[in-house]
Amino acid sequence: MSENTVKRSPVRVAVLLALHAVCGVIILYLLFKLVPEHEKIFKDFNMKLPDMTIMAINLSALFARYWFVLVPGMSAADIAIMVALNRTGRTGLMTAWGVLVWMVEMLLIGLIMMAVMVPMNDLIMRLSK
């Protein structure tokens, strides 16, 4: 093996894909369970919602309507990119892609949680007065 040959790293691919899967499951839980439950509560109290919450509700509805295309399509694209980068020996680029996707997933989790919890906090404050 020459000094310029780059080792492929299937373990790194597996770890990054596992992180993506865990974050993906959390996002799906938020979109399929948490957001619709809170949307019903907000409708029951006839609340005016912030734009961020409306966007989270719309995203939830979009995923609920087209989950059978979006979830496998996004998963397949992520796996294909990771495997292709690993096969070419570009493990640094593969790691950068994996970390970028993970960071976007974590940001999305935080934004969804904030979009739901801000109006819920407002509702709790109003009801406690």
N, C-alpha and C. Protein backbone atom coordinates (compact mmCIF):
# COMPACT_ATOMS: atom_id res chain seq x y z
N MET A 1 0.85 -1.17 0.00
CA MET A 1 0.00 0.00 0.00
C MET A 1 0.90 1.23 0.00
N SER A 2 0.60 2.13 -0.94
CA SER A 2 1.43 3.32 -1.00
C SER A 2 1.00 4.33 0.04
N GLU A 3 1.83 5.28 0.22
CA GLU A 3 1.58 6.29 1.24
C GLU A 3 0.39 7.19 0.89
N ASN A 4 0.07 7.32 -0.41
CA ASN A 4 -1.02 8.18 -0.86
C ASN A 4 -2.38 7.48 -0.85
N THR A 5 -2.39 6.18 -0.63
CA THR A 5 -3.64 5.44 -0.62
C THR A 5 -4.42 5.77 0.65
N VAL A 6 -5.70 6.07 0.46
CA VAL A 6 -6.55 6.43 1.59
C VAL A 6 -7.38 5.22 1.97
N LYS A 7 -7.42 4.91 3.24
CA LYS A 7 -8.23 3.79 3.72
C LYS A 7 -9.69 4.18 3.75
N ARG A 8 -10.51 3.26 3.35
CA ARG A 8 -11.95 3.47 3.46
C ARG A 8 -12.35 3.18 4.90
N SER A 9 -13.44 3.78 5.32
CA SER A 9 -13.83 3.66 6.72
C SER A 9 -15.31 3.29 6.85
N PRO A 10 -15.64 2.00 6.71
CA PRO A 10 -17.04 1.60 6.84
C PRO A 10 -17.59 1.83 8.25
N VAL A 11 -16.72 1.78 9.26
CA VAL A 11 -17.18 2.01 10.63
C VAL A 11 -17.62 3.47 10.78
N ARG A 12 -16.85 4.39 10.20
CA ARG A 12 -17.22 5.80 10.26
C ARG A 12 -18.56 6.04 9.56
N VAL A 13 -18.74 5.39 8.41
CA VAL A 13 -20.02 5.50 7.69
C VAL A 13 -21.16 5.01 8.58
N ALA A 14 -20.96 3.86 9.21
CA ALA A 14 -22.00 3.27 10.05
C ALA A 14 -22.33 4.17 11.23
N VAL A 15 -21.32 4.74 11.86
CA VAL A 15 -21.54 5.61 13.02
C VAL A 15 -22.30 6.87 12.60
N LEU A 16 -21.85 7.48 11.51
CA LEU A 16 -22.53 8.71 11.05
C LEU A 16 -23.97 8.42 10.63
N LEU A 17 -24.20 7.31 9.93
CA LEU A 17 -25.56 6.96 9.54
C LEU A 17 -26.43 6.63 10.76
N ALA A 18 -25.83 6.02 11.78
CA ALA A 18 -26.58 5.74 13.01
C ALA A 18 -26.98 7.06 13.69
N LEU A 19 -26.06 8.02 13.75
CA LEU A 19 -26.41 9.34 14.31
C LEU A 19 -27.53 9.99 13.52
N HIS A 20 -27.45 9.90 12.20
CA HIS A 20 -28.50 10.48 11.36
C HIS A 20 -29.83 9.78 11.61
N ALA A 21 -29.79 8.47 11.77
CA ALA A 21 -31.02 7.71 12.00
C ALA A 21 -31.67 8.09 13.33
N VAL A 22 -30.85 8.22 14.38
CA VAL A 22 -31.39 8.60 15.70
C VAL A 22 -32.03 9.99 15.62
N CYS A 23 -31.34 10.93 15.02
CA CYS A 23 -31.90 12.28 14.88
C CYS A 23 -33.15 12.25 14.00
N GLY A 24 -33.13 11.44 12.95
CA GLY A 24 -34.29 11.33 12.08
C GLY A 24 -35.51 10.80 12.80
N VAL A 25 -35.30 9.80 13.65
CA VAL A 25 -36.42 9.25 14.43
C VAL A 25 -36.98 10.31 15.39
N ILE A 26 -36.10 11.08 16.01
CA ILE A 26 -36.56 12.15 16.90
C ILE A 26 -37.37 13.18 16.12
N ILE A 27 -36.88 13.57 14.96
CA ILE A 27 -37.60 14.55 14.12
C ILE A 27 -38.95 14.00 13.72
N LEU A 28 -39.01 12.75 13.30
CA LEU A 28 -40.29 12.15 12.90
C LEU A 28 -41.25 12.09 14.08
N TYR A 29 -40.75 11.75 15.27
CA TYR A 29 -41.61 11.75 16.45
C TYR A 29 -42.19 13.14 16.69
N LEU A 30 -41.33 14.15 16.60
CA LEU A 30 -41.81 15.52 16.82
C LEU A 30 -42.85 15.90 15.78
N LEU A 31 -42.61 15.55 14.53
CA LEU A 31 -43.52 15.95 13.45
C LEU A 31 -44.81 15.15 13.44
N PHE A 32 -44.75 13.87 13.79
CA PHE A 32 -45.94 13.03 13.72
C PHE A 32 -46.75 12.99 15.01
N LYS A 33 -46.13 13.24 16.14
CA LYS A 33 -46.82 13.11 17.42
C LYS A 33 -46.93 14.44 18.17
N LEU A 34 -45.81 15.07 18.44
CA LEU A 34 -45.80 16.26 19.29
C LEU A 34 -46.50 17.46 18.64
N VAL A 35 -46.13 17.77 17.41
CA VAL A 35 -46.70 18.95 16.75
C VAL A 35 -48.21 18.82 16.57
N PRO A 36 -48.74 17.69 16.06
CA PRO A 36 -50.21 17.60 15.92
C PRO A 36 -50.96 17.69 17.26
N GLU A 37 -50.39 17.11 18.32
CA GLU A 37 -51.04 17.21 19.63
C GLU A 37 -51.11 18.66 20.10
N HIS A 38 -50.01 19.38 19.93
CA HIS A 38 -50.00 20.78 20.35
C HIS A 38 -50.85 21.65 19.43
N GLU A 39 -50.90 21.30 18.16
CA GLU A 39 -51.76 22.05 17.23
C GLU A 39 -53.22 21.97 17.68
N LYS A 40 -53.64 20.79 18.11
CA LYS A 40 -55.02 20.63 18.60
C LYS A 40 -55.26 21.49 19.84
N ILE A 41 -54.30 21.51 20.74
CA ILE A 41 -54.43 22.35 21.94
C ILE A 41 -54.54 23.82 21.56
N PHE A 42 -53.68 24.26 20.64
CA PHE A 42 -53.69 25.66 20.22
C PHE A 42 -55.01 26.02 19.55
N LYS A 43 -55.57 25.08 18.77
CA LYS A 43 -56.87 25.34 18.12
C LYS A 43 -57.98 25.40 19.15
N ASP A 44 -57.92 24.51 20.15
CA ASP A 44 -58.95 24.51 21.19
C ASP A 44 -59.00 25.83 21.94
N PHE A 45 -57.86 26.46 22.12
CA PHE A 45 -57.80 27.75 22.82
C PHE A 45 -57.84 28.93 21.87
N ASN A 46 -58.02 28.65 20.58
CA ASN A 46 -58.14 29.69 19.56
C ASN A 46 -56.99 30.70 19.66
N MET A 47 -55.77 30.17 19.70
CA MET A 47 -54.59 31.02 19.89
C MET A 47 -54.08 31.56 18.56
N LYS A 48 -53.54 32.76 18.63
CA LYS A 48 -52.81 33.32 17.49
C LYS A 48 -51.39 32.79 17.62
N LEU A 49 -50.93 32.09 16.59
CA LEU A 49 -49.64 31.42 16.65
C LEU A 49 -48.56 32.21 15.92
N PRO A 50 -47.34 32.13 16.42
CA PRO A 50 -46.22 32.76 15.71
C PRO A 50 -45.96 32.05 14.37
N ASP A 51 -45.32 32.76 13.47
CA ASP A 51 -45.03 32.20 12.15
C ASP A 51 -44.21 30.92 12.24
N MET A 52 -43.30 30.88 13.18
CA MET A 52 -42.45 29.70 13.34
C MET A 52 -43.29 28.46 13.68
N THR A 53 -44.30 28.64 14.51
CA THR A 53 -45.17 27.53 14.88
C THR A 53 -46.02 27.10 13.69
N ILE A 54 -46.50 28.07 12.94
CA ILE A 54 -47.29 27.75 11.74
C ILE A 54 -46.43 26.98 10.74
N MET A 55 -45.16 27.37 10.60
CA MET A 55 -44.26 26.63 9.70
C MET A 55 -44.04 25.21 10.19
N ALA A 56 -43.91 25.01 11.50
CA ALA A 56 -43.73 23.66 12.05
C ALA A 56 -44.98 22.82 11.82
N ILE A 57 -46.15 23.43 11.96
CA ILE A 57 -47.41 22.72 11.71
C ILE A 57 -47.52 22.34 10.24
N ASN A 58 -47.15 23.26 9.35
CA ASN A 58 -47.19 22.96 7.92
C ASN A 58 -46.18 21.87 7.54
N LEU A 59 -45.00 21.91 8.14
CA LEU A 59 -44.00 20.88 7.89
C LEU A 59 -44.50 19.52 8.38
N SER A 60 -45.15 19.53 9.53
CA SER A 60 -45.73 18.30 10.06
C SER A 60 -46.80 17.74 9.12
N ALA A 61 -47.65 18.62 8.60
CA ALA A 61 -48.70 18.19 7.67
C ALA A 61 -48.09 17.65 6.38
N LEU A 62 -47.04 18.30 5.90
CA LEU A 62 -46.36 17.84 4.68
C LEU A 62 -45.77 16.46 4.87
N PHE A 63 -45.09 16.24 5.99
CA PHE A 63 -44.51 14.92 6.26
C PHE A 63 -45.58 13.88 6.49
N ALA A 64 -46.68 14.26 7.13
CA ALA A 64 -47.78 13.31 7.36
C ALA A 64 -48.41 12.89 6.03
N ARG A 65 -48.49 13.82 5.10
CA ARG A 65 -49.11 13.54 3.81
C ARG A 65 -48.20 12.75 2.89
N TYR A 66 -46.89 13.05 2.89
CA TYR A 66 -45.97 12.44 1.92
C TYR A 66 -44.83 11.66 2.58
N TRP A 67 -45.05 11.10 3.75
CA TRP A 67 -44.00 10.39 4.46
C TRP A 67 -43.44 9.23 3.65
N PHE A 68 -44.29 8.57 2.87
CA PHE A 68 -43.88 7.38 2.13
C PHE A 68 -42.91 7.71 1.00
N VAL A 69 -42.80 8.98 0.62
CA VAL A 69 -41.83 9.41 -0.38
C VAL A 69 -40.65 10.12 0.28
N LEU A 70 -40.95 11.02 1.22
CA LEU A 70 -39.91 11.86 1.84
C LEU A 70 -38.94 11.07 2.71
N VAL A 71 -39.46 10.24 3.58
CA VAL A 71 -38.59 9.52 4.52
C VAL A 71 -37.65 8.56 3.79
N PRO A 72 -38.15 7.65 2.94
CA PRO A 72 -37.21 6.77 2.24
C PRO A 72 -36.30 7.52 1.27
N GLY A 73 -36.83 8.55 0.62
CA GLY A 73 -36.02 9.31 -0.33
C GLY A 73 -34.86 10.03 0.33
N MET A 74 -35.14 10.69 1.45
CA MET A 74 -34.08 11.40 2.18
C MET A 74 -33.07 10.41 2.77
N SER A 75 -33.56 9.29 3.27
CA SER A 75 -32.66 8.28 3.83
C SER A 75 -31.77 7.68 2.75
N ALA A 76 -32.37 7.35 1.61
CA ALA A 76 -31.60 6.77 0.51
C ALA A 76 -30.55 7.75 -0.01
N ALA A 77 -30.91 9.02 -0.12
CA ALA A 77 -29.96 10.02 -0.59
C ALA A 77 -28.79 10.15 0.38
N ASP A 78 -29.07 10.18 1.67
CA ASP A 78 -28.02 10.29 2.68
C ASP A 78 -27.08 9.08 2.61
N ILE A 79 -27.66 7.89 2.55
CA ILE A 79 -26.85 6.67 2.49
C ILE A 79 -26.02 6.65 1.21
N ALA A 80 -26.63 7.01 0.09
CA ALA A 80 -25.91 6.99 -1.19
C ALA A 80 -24.73 7.97 -1.18
N ILE A 81 -24.93 9.15 -0.64
CA ILE A 81 -23.85 10.14 -0.59
C ILE A 81 -22.72 9.65 0.31
N MET A 82 -23.08 9.13 1.48
CA MET A 82 -22.06 8.65 2.42
C MET A 82 -21.25 7.49 1.82
N VAL A 83 -21.93 6.54 1.21
CA VAL A 83 -21.25 5.38 0.63
C VAL A 83 -20.38 5.81 -0.55
N ALA A 84 -20.91 6.71 -1.39
CA ALA A 84 -20.13 7.18 -2.54
C ALA A 84 -18.87 7.91 -2.09
N LEU A 85 -18.99 8.76 -1.09
CA LEU A 85 -17.80 9.47 -0.60
C LEU A 85 -16.80 8.51 0.04
N ASN A 86 -17.32 7.48 0.71
CA ASN A 86 -16.42 6.50 1.33
C ASN A 86 -15.71 5.67 0.26
N ARG A 87 -16.41 5.30 -0.81
CA ARG A 87 -15.81 4.50 -1.87
C ARG A 87 -14.71 5.24 -2.61
N THR A 88 -14.88 6.56 -2.74
CA THR A 88 -13.85 7.34 -3.43
C THR A 88 -12.66 7.61 -2.54
N GLY A 89 -12.76 7.23 -1.27
CA GLY A 89 -11.66 7.44 -0.35
C GLY A 89 -11.63 8.83 0.24
N ARG A 90 -12.67 9.58 0.04
CA ARG A 90 -12.73 10.95 0.57
C ARG A 90 -13.35 10.94 1.95
N THR A 91 -12.66 10.34 2.89
CA THR A 91 -13.23 10.19 4.23
C THR A 91 -13.38 11.53 4.94
N GLY A 92 -12.50 12.48 4.64
CA GLY A 92 -12.64 13.81 5.25
C GLY A 92 -13.91 14.49 4.76
N LEU A 93 -14.17 14.39 3.47
CA LEU A 93 -15.38 14.98 2.90
C LEU A 93 -16.62 14.24 3.41
N MET A 94 -16.49 12.92 3.54
CA MET A 94 -17.60 12.12 4.07
C MET A 94 -17.91 12.53 5.51
N THR A 95 -16.88 12.72 6.31
CA THR A 95 -17.08 13.15 7.69
C THR A 95 -17.70 14.54 7.74
N ALA A 96 -17.24 15.43 6.88
CA ALA A 96 -17.81 16.78 6.83
C ALA A 96 -19.28 16.73 6.46
N TRP A 97 -19.63 15.89 5.47
CA TRP A 97 -21.04 15.73 5.09
C TRP A 97 -21.84 15.18 6.27
N GLY A 98 -21.31 14.17 6.92
CA GLY A 98 -22.01 13.56 8.06
C GLY A 98 -22.24 14.55 9.18
N VAL A 99 -21.24 15.34 9.50
CA VAL A 99 -21.38 16.33 10.56
C VAL A 99 -22.34 17.44 10.15
N LEU A 100 -22.29 17.86 8.89
CA LEU A 100 -23.21 18.89 8.40
C LEU A 100 -24.66 18.44 8.51
N VAL A 101 -24.93 17.22 8.05
CA VAL A 101 -26.30 16.70 8.13
C VAL A 101 -26.73 16.57 9.58
N TRP A 102 -25.84 16.08 10.44
CA TRP A 102 -26.16 15.94 11.86
C TRP A 102 -26.48 17.31 12.48
N MET A 103 -25.68 18.32 12.15
CA MET A 103 -25.92 19.66 12.70
C MET A 103 -27.26 20.23 12.22
N VAL A 104 -27.59 20.01 10.95
CA VAL A 104 -28.87 20.48 10.43
C VAL A 104 -30.02 19.76 11.14
N GLU A 105 -29.86 18.46 11.36
CA GLU A 105 -30.90 17.70 12.07
C GLU A 105 -31.07 18.22 13.50
N MET A 106 -29.98 18.47 14.18
CA MET A 106 -30.06 19.00 15.55
C MET A 106 -30.70 20.38 15.57
N LEU A 107 -30.36 21.21 14.60
CA LEU A 107 -30.97 22.53 14.49
C LEU A 107 -32.48 22.41 14.25
N LEU A 108 -32.87 21.49 13.39
CA LEU A 108 -34.29 21.28 13.11
C LEU A 108 -35.03 20.80 14.36
N ILE A 109 -34.42 19.91 15.12
CA ILE A 109 -35.03 19.44 16.37
C ILE A 109 -35.25 20.62 17.31
N GLY A 110 -34.24 21.45 17.47
CA GLY A 110 -34.36 22.62 18.34
C GLY A 110 -35.41 23.60 17.86
N LEU A 111 -35.47 23.84 16.56
CA LEU A 111 -36.45 24.78 16.03
C LEU A 111 -37.88 24.26 16.19
N ILE A 112 -38.08 22.97 15.95
CA ILE A 112 -39.41 22.39 16.13
C ILE A 112 -39.83 22.48 17.59
N MET A 113 -38.92 22.14 18.49
CA MET A 113 -39.24 22.21 19.92
C MET A 113 -39.56 23.65 20.33
N MET A 114 -38.77 24.60 19.85
CA MET A 114 -39.02 25.99 20.20
C MET A 114 -40.33 26.48 19.59
N ALA A 115 -40.63 26.05 18.37
CA ALA A 115 -41.87 26.46 17.72
C ALA A 115 -43.09 25.97 18.48
N VAL A 116 -42.98 24.84 19.13
CA VAL A 116 -44.10 24.28 19.88
C VAL A 116 -44.13 24.82 21.31
N MET A 117 -42.98 24.95 21.93
CA MET A 117 -42.94 25.30 23.34
C MET A 117 -43.18 26.79 23.62
N VAL A 118 -42.81 27.66 22.69
CA VAL A 118 -43.03 29.10 22.92
C VAL A 118 -44.52 29.41 23.06
N PRO A 119 -45.38 28.99 22.12
CA PRO A 119 -46.82 29.26 22.33
C PRO A 119 -47.40 28.50 23.52
N MET A 120 -46.87 27.30 23.79
CA MET A 120 -47.36 26.53 24.94
C MET A 120 -47.02 27.26 26.23
N ASN A 121 -45.84 27.82 26.32
CA ASN A 121 -45.45 28.59 27.49
C ASN A 121 -46.35 29.82 27.64
N ASP A 122 -46.65 30.46 26.51
CA ASP A 122 -47.55 31.61 26.53
C ASP A 122 -48.93 31.21 27.04
N LEU A 123 -49.42 30.08 26.58
CA LEU A 123 -50.73 29.59 27.02
C LEU A 123 -50.72 29.29 28.51
N ILE A 124 -49.69 28.64 28.99
CA ILE A 124 -49.59 28.32 30.42
C ILE A 124 -49.56 29.60 31.25
N MET A 125 -48.82 30.59 30.80
CA MET A 125 -48.75 31.88 31.53
C MET A 125 -50.11 32.56 31.56
N ARG A 126 -50.82 32.53 30.43
CA ARG A 126 -52.16 33.14 30.39
C ARG A 126 -53.13 32.42 31.29
N LEU A 127 -53.07 31.11 31.33
CA LEU A 127 -54.00 30.33 32.15
C LEU A 127 -53.68 30.42 33.63
N SER A 128 -52.43 30.70 33.97
CA SER A 128 -52.07 30.76 35.39
C SER A 128 -52.41 32.09 36.03
N LYS A 129 -52.80 33.07 35.24
CA LYS A 129 -53.14 34.39 35.81
C LYS A 129 -54.54 34.40 36.38
